[in-house]
Amino acid sequence: MMRIAILGATSQIARDLIVSFSTADDKQLHLFARHPDEAAKWLMSVGLSGRYPVDEFSGFAKQEFDAVINFVGVGNPAQTVVLGNSIFDITLRFDELVLDYLGAHPACRYLFLSSGAAYGSSFNEPAARNTPAVVAINDLAPQEWYGVAKLHAECRHRAHPELPIIDIRVFNYFSRTQDISARFLITDILRAVRDGIVLKASSDYIVRDFLHPSDFYKLVSALLSTPAVNAVVDCYSRAPISKPELLANMQKEFGLQYEITDATAGVNATGSKPHYYSLNTRAADFGYIPSLTSLEGIVQEMEAMLQQSRSSRINIC
């Protein structure tokens, strides 16, 4: 039985992973959150009441774990903007919490949720194994703070090659538990379909790679079962998707109505990234093989979300 500490258990991606782990008999989770009562209420809402213990972060170091997964951070662009430069302190605080723990428990594995933004704010082409991180050190803009905070953490981790730490760079992630009010292109599309309104889409050409919860679970499971190593992996699906392809397929699958405009849509919290995805498939070295393309995952999750929305409206009526 592997005992796993989940830090930041109230984040969307953490919750999705917890649900996925609930089907595994060989994993025992212990959840840690700033507001444990919220985590406990959520467990009840998904039929997992009492399944896992929930505590404040202060109780973390008092336990014995085989692995720690650190999800503490931000989940949407608007939150990144609100946090501002405090993202540096938040990232450092919880990363040091785990590193101190590893000092006393060096065999404990540490999975850190990093970001593709650690490469920098310019993605004129997708990342690859030899892509360097580029930081405008003499003119660092606020939208780059999040990526630099993640890069700083990754540098700390590489400085401890003796410790079993793997950084997981998440680029784009989408599931049926997504906050529909978040300002992502995908959630703008979902609201337009749900409300029957015309989406005003900017004319900029972008390519994104959306990770599905089931593939994220596959990746984490593969990393936890691999021999202890200090490394970093990029997340990827079976295939990315461009904005024109996404819009056309959303029109075909869900009747999306949209217009292309010159206006900029959404919240630009981490910089403009035309090709924000990675061709770095090092995760395959650990046994990770994604099952779904970006489009397949999006269609699957949007169908579920729209069904939930229709059911809620019927119940209200």
Protein backbone atom coordinates (compact mmCIF):
# COMPACT_ATOMS: atom_id res chain seq x y z
CA MET A 1 0.00 0.00 0.00
CA MET A 2 1.49 3.35 -1.08
CA ARG A 3 0.66 6.24 1.23
CA ILE A 4 0.37 9.50 -0.73
CA ALA A 5 0.04 13.05 0.60
CA ILE A 6 -1.95 15.40 -1.63
CA LEU A 7 -1.06 19.05 -0.95
CA GLY A 8 -3.57 21.55 -2.30
CA ALA A 9 -6.38 19.01 -2.38
CA THR A 10 -9.05 21.58 -3.26
CA SER A 11 -7.61 22.41 -6.70
CA GLN A 12 -9.50 21.11 -9.72
CA ILE A 13 -6.73 18.91 -11.08
CA ALA A 14 -6.06 17.49 -7.60
CA ARG A 15 -9.73 16.64 -7.12
CA ASP A 16 -9.89 14.89 -10.47
CA LEU A 17 -6.83 12.84 -9.57
CA ILE A 18 -8.28 11.95 -6.16
CA VAL A 19 -11.41 10.60 -7.86
CA SER A 20 -9.24 8.59 -10.24
CA PHE A 21 -7.18 7.21 -7.34
CA SER A 22 -10.37 6.12 -5.55
CA THR A 23 -10.54 3.13 -7.91
CA ALA A 24 -7.03 1.96 -6.91
CA ASP A 25 -6.86 -0.43 -3.96
CA ASP A 26 -3.09 -0.05 -3.54
CA LYS A 27 -3.09 3.72 -2.86
CA GLN A 28 -4.02 5.40 0.42
CA LEU A 29 -4.38 9.17 0.18
CA HIS A 30 -4.12 11.82 2.88
CA LEU A 31 -5.45 15.21 1.81
CA PHE A 32 -4.10 18.56 2.96
CA ALA A 33 -5.75 21.92 2.29
CA ARG A 34 -5.96 25.46 3.60
CA HIS A 35 -9.65 24.81 4.33
CA PRO A 36 -10.05 21.12 5.25
CA ASP A 37 -13.81 21.53 5.71
CA GLU A 38 -14.15 22.42 2.02
CA ALA A 39 -12.22 19.30 1.04
CA ALA A 40 -14.37 17.17 3.35
CA LYS A 41 -17.59 18.61 1.88
CA TRP A 42 -16.30 17.94 -1.62
CA LEU A 43 -15.48 14.32 -0.72
CA MET A 44 -19.06 13.92 0.44
CA SER A 45 -20.39 15.45 -2.78
CA VAL A 46 -18.57 12.86 -4.92
CA GLY A 47 -19.49 9.89 -2.77
CA LEU A 48 -16.11 9.60 -1.01
CA SER A 49 -17.12 10.81 2.45
CA GLY A 50 -14.76 9.41 5.05
CA ARG A 51 -12.67 7.66 2.40
CA TYR A 52 -9.57 9.79 3.01
CA PRO A 53 -8.38 11.81 6.01
CA VAL A 54 -8.26 15.58 5.52
CA ASP A 55 -6.03 17.96 7.49
CA GLU A 56 -4.54 21.42 7.47
CA PHE A 57 -1.04 21.82 6.02
CA SER A 58 0.38 22.03 9.54
CA GLY A 59 -0.28 18.33 10.01
CA PHE A 60 1.70 17.23 6.97
CA ALA A 61 5.17 16.81 8.52
CA LYS A 62 3.79 14.66 11.36
CA GLN A 63 2.87 11.81 9.00
CA GLU A 64 4.79 9.09 7.17
CA PHE A 65 4.34 9.03 3.39
CA ASP A 66 5.74 7.13 0.45
CA ALA A 67 4.96 9.99 -1.95
CA VAL A 68 3.88 13.63 -1.95
CA ILE A 69 2.09 15.40 -4.79
CA ASN A 70 2.15 19.20 -4.56
CA PHE A 71 -0.77 20.89 -6.30
CA VAL A 72 -0.57 24.19 -4.44
CA GLY A 73 -0.84 27.07 -6.90
CA VAL A 74 -3.36 28.79 -9.14
CA GLY A 75 -5.97 27.28 -11.41
CA ASN A 76 -7.00 30.00 -13.82
CA PRO A 77 -5.66 33.21 -15.43
CA ALA A 78 -7.80 35.56 -13.38
CA GLN A 79 -6.49 34.05 -10.14
CA THR A 80 -2.92 34.45 -11.38
CA VAL A 81 -3.53 38.15 -11.92
CA VAL A 82 -5.08 38.57 -8.46
CA LEU A 83 -2.21 36.82 -6.68
CA GLY A 84 0.37 38.99 -8.43
CA ASN A 85 3.88 38.72 -7.03
CA SER A 86 2.71 36.66 -4.05
CA ILE A 87 2.91 33.64 -6.37
CA PHE A 88 6.65 33.61 -5.62
CA ASP A 89 6.13 33.33 -1.86
CA ILE A 90 3.32 30.77 -2.14
CA THR A 91 5.29 28.50 -4.48
CA LEU A 92 8.45 28.75 -2.37
CA ARG A 93 6.68 28.22 0.95
CA PHE A 94 5.03 24.93 0.04
CA ASP A 95 7.95 23.67 -2.00
CA GLU A 96 10.28 24.21 0.96
CA LEU A 97 7.74 22.46 3.18
CA VAL A 98 8.13 19.32 1.07
CA LEU A 99 11.91 19.66 0.62
CA ASP A 100 12.32 19.89 4.39
CA TYR A 101 10.19 16.76 4.69
CA LEU A 102 12.39 14.94 2.16
CA GLY A 103 15.42 15.90 4.23
CA ALA A 104 14.01 13.69 7.00
CA HIS A 105 12.43 11.15 4.64
CA PRO A 106 14.79 10.90 1.62
CA ALA A 107 13.04 7.82 0.21
CA CYS A 108 9.73 9.66 -0.15
CA ARG A 109 8.88 10.50 -3.76
CA TYR A 110 7.92 14.07 -4.64
CA LEU A 111 5.80 15.01 -7.64
CA PHE A 112 5.62 18.77 -8.17
CA LEU A 113 2.99 20.33 -10.42
CA SER A 114 4.97 22.71 -12.59
CA SER A 115 3.85 24.44 -15.78
CA GLY A 116 4.78 24.82 -19.42
CA ALA A 117 5.16 28.49 -18.49
CA ALA A 118 8.50 27.54 -16.91
CA TYR A 119 9.94 27.63 -20.44
CA GLY A 120 9.13 31.35 -20.62
CA SER A 121 6.36 33.44 -22.15
CA SER A 122 7.27 33.00 -25.83
CA PHE A 123 5.97 29.91 -27.61
CA ASN A 124 6.43 30.75 -31.27
CA GLU A 125 7.02 27.04 -31.66
CA PRO A 126 6.24 24.11 -29.35
CA ALA A 127 8.69 23.08 -26.65
CA ALA A 128 11.11 20.22 -27.29
CA ARG A 129 13.72 18.35 -25.26
CA ASN A 130 16.40 20.90 -26.13
CA THR A 131 14.24 24.00 -25.67
CA PRO A 132 15.85 26.42 -23.18
CA ALA A 133 13.94 28.48 -20.65
CA VAL A 134 14.01 32.13 -21.67
CA VAL A 135 13.53 34.82 -19.03
CA ALA A 136 13.53 38.52 -19.83
CA ILE A 137 15.62 39.22 -16.75
CA ASN A 138 16.09 42.93 -17.49
CA ASP A 139 12.43 43.55 -18.27
CA LEU A 140 10.41 40.96 -16.38
CA ALA A 141 6.70 41.56 -16.94
CA PRO A 142 4.01 40.57 -14.40
CA GLN A 143 2.60 37.90 -16.74
CA GLU A 144 5.95 36.10 -16.47
CA TRP A 145 5.99 35.85 -12.67
CA TYR A 146 4.05 32.59 -12.58
CA GLY A 147 6.42 30.84 -14.99
CA VAL A 148 9.51 32.16 -13.21
CA ALA A 149 8.16 30.90 -9.87
CA LYS A 150 7.80 27.42 -11.39
CA LEU A 151 11.24 27.63 -13.02
CA HIS A 152 12.77 28.65 -9.70
CA ALA A 153 11.22 25.58 -8.06
CA GLU A 154 12.49 23.30 -10.82
CA CYS A 155 16.01 24.69 -10.38
CA ARG A 156 15.86 23.95 -6.65
CA HIS A 157 14.82 20.39 -7.45
CA ARG A 158 17.62 19.79 -9.93
CA ALA A 159 20.03 21.05 -7.28
CA HIS A 160 19.12 17.95 -5.24
CA PRO A 161 19.87 15.10 -7.68
CA GLU A 162 19.98 12.66 -4.79
CA LEU A 163 16.26 13.18 -4.06
CA PRO A 164 13.42 11.41 -5.96
CA ILE A 165 11.71 14.53 -7.35
CA ILE A 166 9.83 14.68 -10.63
CA ASP A 167 8.41 17.96 -11.93
CA ILE A 168 5.31 17.63 -14.10
CA ARG A 169 4.85 20.53 -16.52
CA VAL A 170 1.15 20.95 -17.23
CA PHE A 171 0.30 22.95 -20.34
CA ASN A 172 -3.47 22.73 -20.83
CA TYR A 173 -5.90 20.60 -18.87
CA PHE A 174 -9.66 20.23 -19.26
CA SER A 175 -12.27 18.19 -17.44
CA ARG A 176 -15.97 18.25 -16.62
CA THR A 177 -15.11 19.78 -13.22
CA GLN A 178 -13.68 22.91 -14.83
CA ASP A 179 -14.85 26.23 -13.37
CA ILE A 180 -17.11 27.40 -16.20
CA SER A 181 -16.58 31.05 -15.22
CA ALA A 182 -12.80 30.82 -15.80
CA ARG A 183 -11.50 32.88 -18.72
CA PHE A 184 -10.08 30.23 -21.01
CA LEU A 185 -10.99 29.84 -24.66
CA ILE A 186 -12.43 26.41 -23.92
CA THR A 187 -14.71 27.72 -21.16
CA ASP A 188 -15.75 30.67 -23.35
CA ILE A 189 -16.79 28.07 -25.94
CA LEU A 190 -18.68 26.04 -23.35
CA ARG A 191 -20.64 29.06 -22.09
CA ALA A 192 -21.52 30.08 -25.64
CA VAL A 193 -22.86 26.59 -26.42
CA ARG A 194 -24.72 26.34 -23.12
CA ASP A 195 -26.33 29.77 -23.40
CA GLY A 196 -26.92 29.69 -27.16
CA ILE A 197 -24.96 32.88 -27.79
CA VAL A 198 -22.41 33.83 -30.42
CA LEU A 199 -18.79 33.47 -29.34
CA LYS A 200 -16.54 36.38 -30.24
CA ALA A 201 -13.22 34.65 -30.98
CA SER A 202 -9.99 36.54 -31.57
CA SER A 203 -8.26 36.05 -34.90
CA ASP A 204 -4.90 34.98 -33.45
CA TYR A 205 -3.77 31.50 -34.45
CA ILE A 206 -2.93 29.27 -31.51
CA VAL A 207 -2.33 25.57 -30.95
CA ARG A 208 -3.06 23.88 -27.63
CA ASP A 209 -2.70 20.38 -26.19
CA PHE A 210 -5.45 19.56 -23.70
CA LEU A 211 -4.73 16.79 -21.21
CA HIS A 212 -7.66 14.61 -20.14
CA PRO A 213 -8.01 13.54 -16.45
CA SER A 214 -7.64 9.87 -17.37
CA ASP A 215 -4.34 10.52 -19.13
CA PHE A 216 -3.09 12.67 -16.24
CA TYR A 217 -3.88 9.76 -13.93
CA LYS A 218 -1.95 7.43 -16.24
CA LEU A 219 1.03 9.78 -16.17
CA VAL A 220 1.07 10.13 -12.37
CA SER A 221 0.65 6.38 -11.91
CA ALA A 222 3.56 5.72 -14.25
CA LEU A 223 5.81 8.19 -12.41
CA LEU A 224 4.94 6.72 -9.01
CA SER A 225 5.78 3.20 -10.16
CA THR A 226 9.07 4.01 -11.85
CA PRO A 227 12.41 3.54 -10.04
CA ALA A 228 13.30 6.62 -7.97
CA VAL A 229 14.75 9.39 -10.13
CA ASN A 230 15.22 13.16 -10.21
CA ALA A 231 13.70 14.38 -13.47
CA VAL A 232 11.12 16.52 -15.25
CA VAL A 233 8.42 15.59 -17.76
CA ASP A 234 6.07 17.56 -19.99
CA CYS A 235 2.39 16.66 -20.23
CA TYR A 236 0.93 15.83 -23.63
CA SER A 237 -2.12 14.17 -25.16
CA ARG A 238 -2.14 11.94 -28.24
CA ALA A 239 -2.43 15.04 -30.45
CA PRO A 240 -2.79 18.84 -29.99
CA ILE A 241 -5.41 20.97 -31.71
CA SER A 242 -5.39 24.43 -33.35
CA LYS A 243 -7.98 27.11 -32.64
CA PRO A 244 -9.56 26.88 -36.15
CA GLU A 245 -9.86 23.09 -35.77
CA LEU A 246 -11.29 23.45 -32.28
CA LEU A 247 -13.90 26.02 -33.31
CA ALA A 248 -14.94 24.03 -36.39
CA ASN A 249 -15.30 20.83 -34.40
CA MET A 250 -17.23 22.55 -31.61
CA GLN A 251 -19.59 23.89 -34.26
CA LYS A 252 -19.98 20.41 -35.72
CA GLU A 253 -20.36 18.56 -32.42
CA PHE A 254 -22.28 21.08 -30.31
CA GLY A 255 -23.70 23.71 -32.68
CA LEU A 256 -21.32 26.46 -31.54
CA GLN A 257 -21.97 29.81 -33.16
CA TYR A 258 -18.90 32.00 -33.44
CA GLU A 259 -17.48 35.08 -35.11
CA ILE A 260 -13.81 35.91 -35.65
CA THR A 261 -12.90 39.40 -34.47
CA ASP A 262 -9.73 41.46 -34.11
CA ALA A 263 -10.34 42.01 -30.41
CA THR A 264 -8.31 40.11 -27.82
CA ALA A 265 -10.39 37.69 -25.81
CA GLY A 266 -9.76 36.16 -22.40
CA VAL A 267 -7.25 37.06 -19.70
CA ASN A 268 -3.60 37.24 -20.75
CA ALA A 269 -2.11 36.23 -17.41
CA THR A 270 1.05 34.41 -18.51
CA GLY A 271 1.81 35.93 -21.89
CA SER A 272 0.79 35.23 -25.47
CA LYS A 273 1.71 31.69 -26.52
CA PRO A 274 0.89 30.78 -30.15
CA HIS A 275 2.10 27.17 -29.80
CA TYR A 276 1.67 26.39 -26.12
CA TYR A 277 2.34 22.67 -26.05
CA SER A 278 5.28 20.29 -26.00
CA LEU A 279 6.88 17.75 -28.31
CA ASN A 280 9.05 16.57 -25.42
CA THR A 281 7.85 13.00 -24.90
CA ARG A 282 10.27 12.04 -22.14
CA ALA A 283 7.30 10.82 -20.11
CA ALA A 284 7.19 7.86 -22.50
CA ASP A 285 10.50 6.72 -20.98
CA PHE A 286 8.57 6.12 -17.75
CA GLY A 287 5.84 4.11 -19.47
CA TYR A 288 3.31 6.89 -20.16
CA ILE A 289 1.19 6.41 -23.28
CA PRO A 290 -1.72 8.86 -23.69
CA SER A 291 -5.03 7.41 -24.85
CA LEU A 292 -6.91 10.50 -26.03
CA THR A 293 -6.25 13.36 -28.41
CA SER A 294 -7.05 16.90 -27.29
CA LEU A 295 -10.24 16.87 -29.36
CA GLU A 296 -11.42 13.49 -28.09
CA GLY A 297 -10.92 14.55 -24.48
CA ILE A 298 -12.66 17.89 -24.98
CA VAL A 299 -15.69 16.35 -26.68
CA GLN A 300 -15.99 13.72 -23.96
CA GLU A 301 -15.85 16.24 -21.12
CA MET A 302 -18.03 18.88 -22.79
CA GLU A 303 -20.75 16.32 -23.44
CA ALA A 304 -20.73 15.49 -19.73
CA MET A 305 -20.78 19.16 -18.69
CA LEU A 306 -23.62 20.07 -21.00
CA GLN A 307 -25.61 17.06 -19.79
CA GLN A 308 -25.07 18.17 -16.20
CA SER A 309 -26.21 21.69 -17.12
CA ARG A 310 -29.37 20.39 -18.79
CA SER A 311 -30.15 18.14 -15.82
CA SER A 312 -29.70 21.05 -13.40
CA ARG A 313 -32.11 23.23 -15.38
CA ILE A 314 -34.69 20.44 -15.50
CA ASN A 315 -34.45 19.94 -11.72
CA ILE A 316 -34.83 23.67 -11.11
CA CYS A 317 -37.95 23.80 -13.26
